[in-house]
Amino acid sequence: MKAMLICAALAATTSAAHAVERYQASTLTCSTAQAAIHTKGAVIIHFPAQSQSAPPTYGRFVANVNQCDTGNQIASSSIPTKDDLNCKVSSCQRYRSGHD
C-alpha cells in the first residue's frame, strides 16, 4: 500500500513538471512573450497561420537547449505578437549534421 502511495505521488509530480503553459500571441507583447519563455523555460504559443485559409498554428518555444529533446538544438524563430510581427524567440530543431 505504501509503495502505491509513493508511485501515485511520483506520477503527480512528474505530470506537473511536464505541464507547459499556453499563450495566445495576439495577447502578448514581444517582451512579455520573451519573459514568459525565459521564466517558464518552455511555453506553447498559438498564433495565426500565414495564410488566412489555413488553420491557426502553434509552436513550442524554449529558453535554452536544456528544454530540448536529445538530438535537438536551439534554432532562432520569430512569432507575430501584438506589437512585433517578427518577435525573436528560440525553438528546438532536430540536429542535422552536414553529412545528411
PDB file of N, CA and C in Angstrom:
ATOM      1  N   MET A   1       0.830  -1.192   0.000  1.00  0.00           N
ATOM      2  CA  MET A   1       0.000   0.000   0.000  1.00  0.00           C
ATOM      3  C   MET A   1       0.875   1.255   0.000  1.00  0.00           C
ATOM      4  N   LYS A   2       1.915   1.209   0.841  1.00  0.00           N
ATOM      5  CA  LYS A   2       2.814   2.362   0.921  1.00  0.00           C
ATOM      6  C   LYS A   2       3.504   2.607  -0.427  1.00  0.00           C
ATOM      7  N   ALA A   3       3.882   1.518  -1.110  1.00  0.00           N
ATOM      8  CA  ALA A   3       4.525   1.648  -2.418  1.00  0.00           C
ATOM      9  C   ALA A   3       3.570   2.285  -3.432  1.00  0.00           C
ATOM     10  N   MET A   4       2.286   1.940  -3.355  1.00  0.00           N
ATOM     11  CA  MET A   4       1.307   2.522  -4.278  1.00  0.00           C
ATOM     12  C   MET A   4       1.173   4.020  -4.046  1.00  0.00           C
ATOM     13  N   LEU A   5       1.185   4.443  -2.788  1.00  0.00           N
ATOM     14  CA  LEU A   5       1.093   5.867  -2.483  1.00  0.00           C
ATOM     15  C   LEU A   5       2.310   6.624  -2.999  1.00  0.00           C
ATOM     16  N   ILE A   6       3.479   6.025  -2.843  1.00  0.00           N
ATOM     17  CA  ILE A   6       4.700   6.659  -3.345  1.00  0.00           C
ATOM     18  C   ILE A   6       4.648   6.784  -4.865  1.00  0.00           C
ATOM     19  N   CYS A   7       4.216   5.738  -5.544  1.00  0.00           N
ATOM     20  CA  CYS A   7       4.096   5.783  -7.010  1.00  0.00           C
ATOM     21  C   CYS A   7       3.094   6.836  -7.451  1.00  0.00           C
ATOM     22  N   ALA A   8       1.982   6.937  -6.759  1.00  0.00           N
ATOM     23  CA  ALA A   8       0.974   7.940  -7.100  1.00  0.00           C
ATOM     24  C   ALA A   8       1.526   9.347  -6.912  1.00  0.00           C
ATOM     25  N   ALA A   9       2.271   9.562  -5.843  1.00  0.00           N
ATOM     26  CA  ALA A   9       2.870  10.879  -5.596  1.00  0.00           C
ATOM     27  C   ALA A   9       3.893  11.219  -6.669  1.00  0.00           C
ATOM     28  N   LEU A  10       4.705  10.247  -7.062  1.00  0.00           N
ATOM     29  CA  LEU A  10       5.684  10.480  -8.119  1.00  0.00           C
ATOM     30  C   LEU A  10       5.013  10.770  -9.452  1.00  0.00           C
ATOM     31  N   ALA A  11       3.957  10.066  -9.767  1.00  0.00           N
ATOM     32  CA  ALA A  11       3.232  10.301 -11.018  1.00  0.00           C
ATOM     33  C   ALA A  11       2.638  11.701 -11.044  1.00  0.00           C
ATOM     34  N   ALA A  12       2.090  12.151  -9.944  1.00  0.00           N
ATOM     35  CA  ALA A  12       1.513  13.500  -9.871  1.00  0.00           C
ATOM     36  C   ALA A  12       2.597  14.552 -10.032  1.00  0.00           C
ATOM     37  N   THR A  13       3.747  14.342  -9.431  1.00  0.00           N
ATOM     38  CA  THR A  13       4.864  15.282  -9.541  1.00  0.00           C
ATOM     39  C   THR A  13       5.389  15.318 -10.962  1.00  0.00           C
ATOM     40  N   THR A  14       5.540  14.160 -11.579  1.00  0.00           N
ATOM     41  CA  THR A  14       6.055  14.088 -12.942  1.00  0.00           C
ATOM     42  C   THR A  14       5.130  14.788 -13.918  1.00  0.00           C
ATOM     43  N   SER A  15       3.819  14.557 -13.823  1.00  0.00           N
ATOM     44  CA  SER A  15       2.906  15.188 -14.766  1.00  0.00           C
ATOM     45  C   SER A  15       2.863  16.698 -14.575  1.00  0.00           C
ATOM     46  N   ALA A  16       2.992  17.164 -13.348  1.00  0.00           N
ATOM     47  CA  ALA A  16       3.006  18.604 -13.111  1.00  0.00           C
ATOM     48  C   ALA A  16       4.276  19.226 -13.670  1.00  0.00           C
ATOM     49  N   ALA A  17       5.375  18.507 -13.598  1.00  0.00           N
ATOM     50  CA  ALA A  17       6.645  19.027 -14.094  1.00  0.00           C
ATOM     51  C   ALA A  17       6.634  19.163 -15.606  1.00  0.00           C
ATOM     52  N   HIS A  18       5.831  18.367 -16.294  1.00  0.00           N
ATOM     53  CA  HIS A  18       5.795  18.412 -17.743  1.00  0.00           C
ATOM     54  C   HIS A  18       4.694  19.325 -18.285  1.00  0.00           C
ATOM     55  N   ALA A  19       3.923  19.917 -17.422  1.00  0.00           N
ATOM     56  CA  ALA A  19       2.874  20.828 -17.879  1.00  0.00           C
ATOM     57  C   ALA A  19       3.531  22.053 -18.497  1.00  0.00           C
ATOM     58  N   VAL A  20       3.075  22.423 -19.681  1.00  0.00           N
ATOM     59  CA  VAL A  20       3.631  23.569 -20.390  1.00  0.00           C
ATOM     60  C   VAL A  20       2.539  24.620 -20.510  1.00  0.00           C
ATOM     61  N   GLU A  21       2.866  25.842 -20.118  1.00  0.00           N
ATOM     62  CA  GLU A  21       1.890  26.930 -20.204  1.00  0.00           C
ATOM     63  C   GLU A  21       1.625  27.280 -21.660  1.00  0.00           C
ATOM     64  N   ARG A  22       0.391  27.690 -21.932  1.00  0.00           N
ATOM     65  CA  ARG A  22      -0.027  28.056 -23.289  1.00  0.00           C
ATOM     66  C   ARG A  22      -0.450  29.518 -23.316  1.00  0.00           C
ATOM     67  N   TYR A  23      -0.098  30.185 -24.407  1.00  0.00           N
ATOM     68  CA  TYR A  23      -0.410  31.604 -24.577  1.00  0.00           C
ATOM     69  C   TYR A  23      -0.911  31.867 -25.993  1.00  0.00           C
ATOM     70  N   GLN A  24      -1.634  32.964 -26.157  1.00  0.00           N
ATOM     71  CA  GLN A  24      -2.051  33.452 -27.472  1.00  0.00           C
ATOM     72  C   GLN A  24      -1.123  34.593 -27.855  1.00  0.00           C
ATOM     73  N   ALA A  25      -0.453  34.492 -28.988  1.00  0.00           N
ATOM     74  CA  ALA A  25       0.499  35.516 -29.410  1.00  0.00           C
ATOM     75  C   ALA A  25      -0.170  36.886 -29.543  1.00  0.00           C
ATOM     76  N   SER A  26      -1.414  36.897 -29.956  1.00  0.00           N
ATOM     77  CA  SER A  26      -2.110  38.171 -30.185  1.00  0.00           C
ATOM     78  C   SER A  26      -2.361  38.944 -28.896  1.00  0.00           C
ATOM     79  N   THR A  27      -2.222  38.288 -27.748  1.00  0.00           N
ATOM     80  CA  THR A  27      -2.438  38.975 -26.468  1.00  0.00           C
ATOM     81  C   THR A  27      -1.127  39.377 -25.798  1.00  0.00           C
ATOM     82  N   LEU A  28      -0.005  39.009 -26.397  1.00  0.00           N
ATOM     83  CA  LEU A  28       1.302  39.251 -25.791  1.00  0.00           C
ATOM     84  C   LEU A  28       2.089  40.318 -26.537  1.00  0.00           C
ATOM     85  N   THR A  29       2.830  41.124 -25.800  1.00  0.00           N
ATOM     86  CA  THR A  29       3.846  41.947 -26.442  1.00  0.00           C
ATOM     87  C   THR A  29       5.066  41.046 -26.627  1.00  0.00           C
ATOM     88  N   CYS A  30       5.984  41.476 -27.462  1.00  0.00           N
ATOM     89  CA  CYS A  30       7.190  40.689 -27.690  1.00  0.00           C
ATOM     90  C   CYS A  30       7.950  40.486 -26.382  1.00  0.00           C
ATOM     91  N   SER A  31       8.113  41.547 -25.618  1.00  0.00           N
ATOM     92  CA  SER A  31       8.873  41.420 -24.365  1.00  0.00           C
ATOM     93  C   SER A  31       8.160  40.511 -23.365  1.00  0.00           C
ATOM     94  N   THR A  32       6.840  40.516 -23.340  1.00  0.00           N
ATOM     95  CA  THR A  32       6.088  39.630 -22.450  1.00  0.00           C
ATOM     96  C   THR A  32       6.255  38.170 -22.884  1.00  0.00           C
ATOM     97  N   ALA A  33       6.214  37.914 -24.175  1.00  0.00           N
ATOM     98  CA  ALA A  33       6.414  36.556 -24.689  1.00  0.00           C
ATOM     99  C   ALA A  33       7.809  36.062 -24.339  1.00  0.00           C
ATOM    100  N   GLN A  34       8.813  36.896 -24.576  1.00  0.00           N
ATOM    101  CA  GLN A  34      10.187  36.514 -24.267  1.00  0.00           C
ATOM    102  C   GLN A  34      10.373  36.279 -22.772  1.00  0.00           C
ATOM    103  N   ALA A  35       9.753  37.105 -21.948  1.00  0.00           N
ATOM    104  CA  ALA A  35       9.854  36.941 -20.495  1.00  0.00           C
ATOM    105  C   ALA A  35       9.186  35.642 -20.040  1.00  0.00           C
ATOM    106  N   ALA A  36       8.032  35.316 -20.614  1.00  0.00           N
ATOM    107  CA  ALA A  36       7.332  34.073 -20.262  1.00  0.00           C
ATOM    108  C   ALA A  36       8.195  32.865 -20.613  1.00  0.00           C
ATOM    109  N   ILE A  37       8.811  32.901 -21.785  1.00  0.00           N
ATOM    110  CA  ILE A  37       9.686  31.801 -22.207  1.00  0.00           C
ATOM    111  C   ILE A  37      10.865  31.682 -21.240  1.00  0.00           C
ATOM    112  N   HIS A  38      11.477  32.808 -20.925  1.00  0.00           N
ATOM    113  CA  HIS A  38      12.627  32.809 -20.026  1.00  0.00           C
ATOM    114  C   HIS A  38      12.248  32.299 -18.627  1.00  0.00           C
ATOM    115  N   THR A  39      11.111  32.747 -18.113  1.00  0.00           N
ATOM    116  CA  THR A  39      10.680  32.377 -16.762  1.00  0.00           C
ATOM    117  C   THR A  39      10.242  30.917 -16.675  1.00  0.00           C
ATOM    118  N   LYS A  40       9.463  30.462 -17.648  1.00  0.00           N
ATOM    119  CA  LYS A  40       8.903  29.104 -17.607  1.00  0.00           C
ATOM    120  C   LYS A  40       9.846  28.050 -18.172  1.00  0.00           C
ATOM    121  N   GLY A  41      10.821  28.458 -18.972  1.00  0.00           N
ATOM    122  CA  GLY A  41      11.731  27.500 -19.606  1.00  0.00           C
ATOM    123  C   GLY A  41      11.239  27.060 -20.965  1.00  0.00           C
ATOM    124  N   ALA A  42       9.944  26.766 -21.064  1.00  0.00           N
ATOM    125  CA  ALA A  42       9.326  26.371 -22.325  1.00  0.00           C
ATOM    126  C   ALA A  42       7.846  26.718 -22.260  1.00  0.00           C
ATOM    127  N   VAL A  43       7.312  27.233 -23.354  1.00  0.00           N
ATOM    128  CA  VAL A  43       5.883  27.554 -23.439  1.00  0.00           C
ATOM    129  C   VAL A  43       5.380  27.201 -24.834  1.00  0.00           C
ATOM    130  N   ILE A  44       4.082  27.055 -24.934  1.00  0.00           N
ATOM    131  CA  ILE A  44       3.440  26.881 -26.235  1.00  0.00           C
ATOM    132  C   ILE A  44       2.709  28.181 -26.548  1.00  0.00           C
ATOM    133  N   ILE A  45       2.943  28.687 -27.735  1.00  0.00           N
ATOM    134  CA  ILE A  45       2.298  29.936 -28.146  1.00  0.00           C
ATOM    135  C   ILE A  45       1.507  29.680 -29.422  1.00  0.00           C
ATOM    136  N   HIS A  46       0.227  30.002 -29.370  1.00  0.00           N
ATOM    137  CA  HIS A  46      -0.662  29.899 -30.533  1.00  0.00           C
ATOM    138  C   HIS A  46      -0.609  31.212 -31.290  1.00  0.00           C
ATOM    139  N   PHE A  47      -0.601  31.124 -32.620  1.00  0.00           N
ATOM    140  CA  PHE A  47      -0.589  32.328 -33.435  1.00  0.00           C
ATOM    141  C   PHE A  47      -1.278  32.040 -34.760  1.00  0.00           C
ATOM    142  N   PRO A  48      -1.722  33.096 -35.456  1.00  0.00           N
ATOM    143  CA  PRO A  48      -2.420  32.881 -36.722  1.00  0.00           C
ATOM    144  C   PRO A  48      -1.488  32.293 -37.780  1.00  0.00           C
ATOM    145  N   ALA A  49      -2.048  31.505 -38.664  1.00  0.00           N
ATOM    146  CA  ALA A  49      -1.273  30.968 -39.780  1.00  0.00           C
ATOM    147  C   ALA A  49      -0.938  32.106 -40.741  1.00  0.00           C
ATOM    148  N   GLN A  50       0.071  31.907 -41.565  1.00  0.00           N
ATOM    149  CA  GLN A  50       0.464  32.951 -42.507  1.00  0.00           C
ATOM    150  C   GLN A  50      -0.574  33.154 -43.598  1.00  0.00           C
ATOM    151  N   SER A  51      -1.341  32.128 -43.898  1.00  0.00           N
ATOM    152  CA  SER A  51      -2.406  32.228 -44.893  1.00  0.00           C
ATOM    153  C   SER A  51      -3.748  32.282 -44.171  1.00  0.00           C
ATOM    154  N   GLN A  52      -4.647  33.140 -44.618  1.00  0.00           N
ATOM    155  CA  GLN A  52      -5.952  33.253 -43.956  1.00  0.00           C
ATOM    156  C   GLN A  52      -6.786  31.996 -44.108  1.00  0.00           C
ATOM    157  N   SER A  53      -6.514  31.195 -45.134  1.00  0.00           N
ATOM    158  CA  SER A  53      -7.299  29.976 -45.334  1.00  0.00           C
ATOM    159  C   SER A  53      -6.777  28.808 -44.509  1.00  0.00           C
ATOM    160  N   ALA A  54      -5.583  28.949 -43.925  1.00  0.00           N
ATOM    161  CA  ALA A  54      -5.011  27.883 -43.105  1.00  0.00           C
ATOM    162  C   ALA A  54      -5.474  28.024 -41.655  1.00  0.00           C
ATOM    163  N   PRO A  55      -5.552  26.908 -40.940  1.00  0.00           N
ATOM    164  CA  PRO A  55      -5.944  26.988 -39.523  1.00  0.00           C
ATOM    165  C   PRO A  55      -4.845  27.645 -38.690  1.00  0.00           C
ATOM    166  N   PRO A  56      -5.198  28.173 -37.523  1.00  0.00           N
ATOM    167  CA  PRO A  56      -4.181  28.743 -36.637  1.00  0.00           C
ATOM    168  C   PRO A  56      -3.132  27.678 -36.295  1.00  0.00           C
ATOM    169  N   THR A  57      -1.968  28.131 -35.967  1.00  0.00           N
ATOM    170  CA  THR A  57      -0.891  27.201 -35.655  1.00  0.00           C
ATOM    171  C   THR A  57      -0.282  27.530 -34.301  1.00  0.00           C
ATOM    172  N   TYR A  58       0.651  26.737 -33.881  1.00  0.00           N
ATOM    173  CA  TYR A  58       1.290  26.957 -32.592  1.00  0.00           C
ATOM    174  C   TYR A  58       2.720  26.455 -32.653  1.00  0.00           C
ATOM    175  N   GLY A  59       3.494  26.832 -31.653  1.00  0.00           N
ATOM    176  CA  GLY A  59       4.861  26.358 -31.558  1.00  0.00           C
ATOM    177  C   GLY A  59       5.271  26.247 -30.107  1.00  0.00           C
ATOM    178  N   ARG A  60       6.280  25.451 -29.873  1.00  0.00           N
ATOM    179  CA  ARG A  60       6.869  25.313 -28.537  1.00  0.00           C
ATOM    180  C   ARG A  60       8.175  26.090 -28.558  1.00  0.00           C
ATOM    181  N   PHE A  61       8.281  27.069 -27.682  1.00  0.00           N
ATOM    182  CA  PHE A  61       9.430  27.953 -27.649  1.00  0.00           C
ATOM    183  C   PHE A  61      10.140  27.793 -26.317  1.00  0.00           C
ATOM    184  N   VAL A  62      11.469  27.840 -26.362  1.00  0.00           N
ATOM    185  CA  VAL A  62      12.277  27.470 -25.204  1.00  0.00           C
ATOM    186  C   VAL A  62      13.290  28.543 -24.838  1.00  0.00           C
ATOM    187  N   ALA A  63      13.706  28.498 -23.575  1.00  0.00           N
ATOM    188  CA  ALA A  63      14.698  29.451 -23.070  1.00  0.00           C
ATOM    189  C   ALA A  63      16.120  29.006 -23.385  1.00  0.00           C
ATOM    190  N   ASN A  64      16.343  27.685 -23.420  1.00  0.00           N
ATOM    191  CA  ASN A  64      17.695  27.183 -23.666  1.00  0.00           C
ATOM    192  C   ASN A  64      17.643  25.740 -24.152  1.00  0.00           C
ATOM    193  N   VAL A  65      18.782  25.230 -24.568  1.00  0.00           N
ATOM    194  CA  VAL A  65      18.860  23.885 -25.144  1.00  0.00           C
ATOM    195  C   VAL A  65      18.480  22.799 -24.141  1.00  0.00           C
ATOM    196  N   ASN A  66      18.555  23.089 -22.851  1.00  0.00           N
ATOM    197  CA  ASN A  66      18.167  22.102 -21.835  1.00  0.00           C
ATOM    198  C   ASN A  66      16.690  21.742 -21.935  1.00  0.00           C
ATOM    199  N   GLN A  67      15.899  22.562 -22.579  1.00  0.00           N
ATOM    200  CA  GLN A  67      14.471  22.299 -22.749  1.00  0.00           C
ATOM    201  C   GLN A  67      14.182  21.459 -23.999  1.00  0.00           C
ATOM    202  N   CYS A  68      15.228  21.159 -24.763  1.00  0.00           N
ATOM    203  CA  CYS A  68      15.068  20.384 -25.999  1.00  0.00           C
ATOM    204  C   CYS A  68      15.325  18.907 -25.743  1.00  0.00           C
ATOM    205  N   ASP A  69      14.721  18.063 -26.564  1.00  0.00           N
ATOM    206  CA  ASP A  69      14.974  16.625 -26.509  1.00  0.00           C
ATOM    207  C   ASP A  69      16.382  16.331 -27.010  1.00  0.00           C
ATOM    208  N   THR A  70      16.900  15.179 -26.640  1.00  0.00           N
ATOM    209  CA  THR A  70      18.195  14.733 -27.150  1.00  0.00           C
ATOM    210  C   THR A  70      18.140  14.684 -28.672  1.00  0.00           C
ATOM    211  N   GLY A  71      19.192  15.153 -29.303  1.00  0.00           N
ATOM    212  CA  GLY A  71      19.223  15.170 -30.764  1.00  0.00           C
ATOM    213  C   GLY A  71      18.672  16.456 -31.349  1.00  0.00           C
ATOM    214  N   ASN A  72      18.299  17.398 -30.488  1.00  0.00           N
ATOM    215  CA  ASN A  72      17.778  18.680 -30.946  1.00  0.00           C
ATOM    216  C   ASN A  72      18.729  19.789 -30.528  1.00  0.00           C
ATOM    217  N   GLN A  73      18.642  20.894 -31.211  1.00  0.00           N
ATOM    218  CA  GLN A  73      19.443  22.068 -30.899  1.00  0.00           C
ATOM    219  C   GLN A  73      18.540  23.294 -30.924  1.00  0.00           C
ATOM    220  N   ILE A  74      19.059  24.404 -30.444  1.00  0.00           N
ATOM    221  CA  ILE A  74      18.306  25.661 -30.447  1.00  0.00           C
ATOM    222  C   ILE A  74      18.298  26.247 -31.856  1.00  0.00           C
ATOM    223  N   ALA A  75      17.161  26.737 -32.270  1.00  0.00           N
ATOM    224  CA  ALA A  75      17.031  27.412 -33.560  1.00  0.00           C
ATOM    225  C   ALA A  75      16.326  28.748 -33.338  1.00  0.00           C
ATOM    226  N   SER A  76      16.750  29.759 -34.055  1.00  0.00           N
ATOM    227  CA  SER A  76      16.081  31.065 -33.978  1.00  0.00           C
ATOM    228  C   SER A  76      14.745  30.976 -34.693  1.00  0.00           C
ATOM    229  N   SER A  77      13.749  31.582 -34.086  1.00  0.00           N
ATOM    230  CA  SER A  77      12.406  31.621 -34.655  1.00  0.00           C
ATOM    231  C   SER A  77      11.846  33.018 -34.448  1.00  0.00           C
ATOM    232  N   SER A  78      10.726  33.280 -35.065  1.00  0.00           N
ATOM    233  CA  SER A  78      10.019  34.525 -34.774  1.00  0.00           C
ATOM    234  C   SER A  78       8.528  34.232 -34.764  1.00  0.00           C
ATOM    235  N   ILE A  79       7.825  34.981 -33.942  1.00  0.00           N
ATOM    236  CA  ILE A  79       6.372  34.836 -33.839  1.00  0.00           C
ATOM    237  C   ILE A  79       5.737  36.215 -33.950  1.00  0.00           C
ATOM    238  N   PRO A  80       4.499  36.272 -34.430  1.00  0.00           N
ATOM    239  CA  PRO A  80       3.803  37.560 -34.525  1.00  0.00           C
ATOM    240  C   PRO A  80       3.094  37.899 -33.213  1.00  0.00           C
ATOM    241  N   THR A  81       3.639  38.824 -32.448  1.00  0.00           N
ATOM    242  CA  THR A  81       2.981  39.273 -31.223  1.00  0.00           C
ATOM    243  C   THR A  81       2.198  40.542 -31.537  1.00  0.00           C
ATOM    244  N   LYS A  82       1.472  41.063 -30.548  1.00  0.00           N
ATOM    245  CA  LYS A  82       0.621  42.220 -30.831  1.00  0.00           C
ATOM    246  C   LYS A  82       1.398  43.491 -31.146  1.00  0.00           C
ATOM    247  N   ASP A  83       2.690  43.540 -30.789  1.00  0.00           N
ATOM    248  CA  ASP A  83       3.469  44.742 -31.094  1.00  0.00           C
ATOM    249  C   ASP A  83       4.651  44.503 -32.023  1.00  0.00           C
ATOM    250  N   ASP A  84       4.880  43.247 -32.419  1.00  0.00           N
ATOM    251  CA  ASP A  84       6.028  42.938 -33.266  1.00  0.00           C
ATOM    252  C   ASP A  84       5.711  41.696 -34.095  1.00  0.00           C
ATOM    253  N   LEU A  85       5.614  41.856 -35.403  1.00  0.00           N
ATOM    254  CA  LEU A  85       5.279  40.723 -36.263  1.00  0.00           C
ATOM    255  C   LEU A  85       6.430  39.720 -36.386  1.00  0.00           C
ATOM    256  N   ASN A  86       7.618  40.107 -35.954  1.00  0.00           N
ATOM    257  CA  ASN A  86       8.788  39.233 -36.021  1.00  0.00           C
ATOM    258  C   ASN A  86       9.520  39.190 -34.688  1.00  0.00           C
ATOM    259  N   CYS A  87       8.798  38.881 -33.635  1.00  0.00           N
ATOM    260  CA  CYS A  87       9.383  38.791 -32.294  1.00  0.00           C
ATOM    261  C   CYS A  87      10.340  37.600 -32.253  1.00  0.00           C
ATOM    262  N   LYS A  88      11.591  37.848 -31.904  1.00  0.00           N
ATOM    263  CA  LYS A  88      12.623  36.812 -31.903  1.00  0.00           C
ATOM    264  C   LYS A  88      12.524  35.929 -30.655  1.00  0.00           C
ATOM    265  N   VAL A  89      12.413  34.634 -30.892  1.00  0.00           N
ATOM    266  CA  VAL A  89      12.345  33.626 -29.838  1.00  0.00           C
ATOM    267  C   VAL A  89      13.186  32.424 -30.278  1.00  0.00           C
ATOM    268  N   SER A  90      13.308  31.437 -29.430  1.00  0.00           N
ATOM    269  CA  SER A  90      14.064  30.224 -29.767  1.00  0.00           C
ATOM    270  C   SER A  90      13.165  29.003 -29.671  1.00  0.00           C
ATOM    271  N   SER A  91      13.431  28.043 -30.536  1.00  0.00           N
ATOM    272  CA  SER A  91      12.706  26.772 -30.504  1.00  0.00           C
ATOM    273  C   SER A  91      13.714  25.638 -30.680  1.00  0.00           C
ATOM    274  N   CYS A  92      13.248  24.426 -30.476  1.00  0.00           N
ATOM    275  CA  CYS A  92      14.102  23.258 -30.660  1.00  0.00           C
ATOM    276  C   CYS A  92      13.955  22.759 -32.091  1.00  0.00           C
ATOM    277  N   GLN A  93      15.063  22.347 -32.643  1.00  0.00           N
ATOM    278  CA  GLN A  93      15.059  21.832 -34.008  1.00  0.00           C
ATOM    279  C   GLN A  93      15.936  20.594 -34.054  1.00  0.00           C
ATOM    280  N   ARG A  94      15.499  19.615 -34.806  1.00  0.00           N
ATOM    281  CA  ARG A  94      16.273  18.373 -34.943  1.00  0.00           C
ATOM    282  C   ARG A  94      17.655  18.713 -35.470  1.00  0.00           C
ATOM    283  N   TYR A  95      18.680  18.195 -34.801  1.00  0.00           N
ATOM    284  CA  TYR A  95      20.054  18.450 -35.216  1.00  0.00           C
ATOM    285  C   TYR A  95      20.340  17.712 -36.508  1.00  0.00           C
ATOM    286  N   ARG A  96      20.942  18.413 -37.438  1.00  0.00           N
ATOM    287  CA  ARG A  96      21.342  17.792 -38.702  1.00  0.00           C
ATOM    288  C   ARG A  96      22.828  18.023 -38.909  1.00  0.00           C
ATOM    289  N   SER A  97      23.549  16.961 -39.103  1.00  0.00           N
ATOM    290  CA  SER A  97      24.968  17.113 -39.396  1.00  0.00           C
ATOM    291  C   SER A  97      25.105  17.445 -40.874  1.00  0.00           C
ATOM    292  N   GLY A  98      26.233  17.894 -41.279  1.00  0.00           N
ATOM    293  CA  GLY A  98      26.473  18.231 -42.687  1.00  0.00           C
ATOM    294  C   GLY A  98      26.528  17.017 -43.589  1.00  0.00           C
ATOM    295  N   HIS A  99      26.379  15.805 -43.015  1.00  0.00           N
ATOM    296  CA  HIS A  99      26.500  14.582 -43.795  1.00  0.00           C
ATOM    297  C   HIS A  99      25.157  13.982 -44.193  1.00  0.00           C
ATOM    298  N   ASP A 100      24.057  14.666 -43.912  1.00  0.00           N
ATOM    299  CA  ASP A 100      22.724  14.110 -44.228  1.00  0.00           C
ATOM    300  C   ASP A 100      22.374  14.293 -45.679  1.00  0.00           C
TER     301      ASP A 100
END
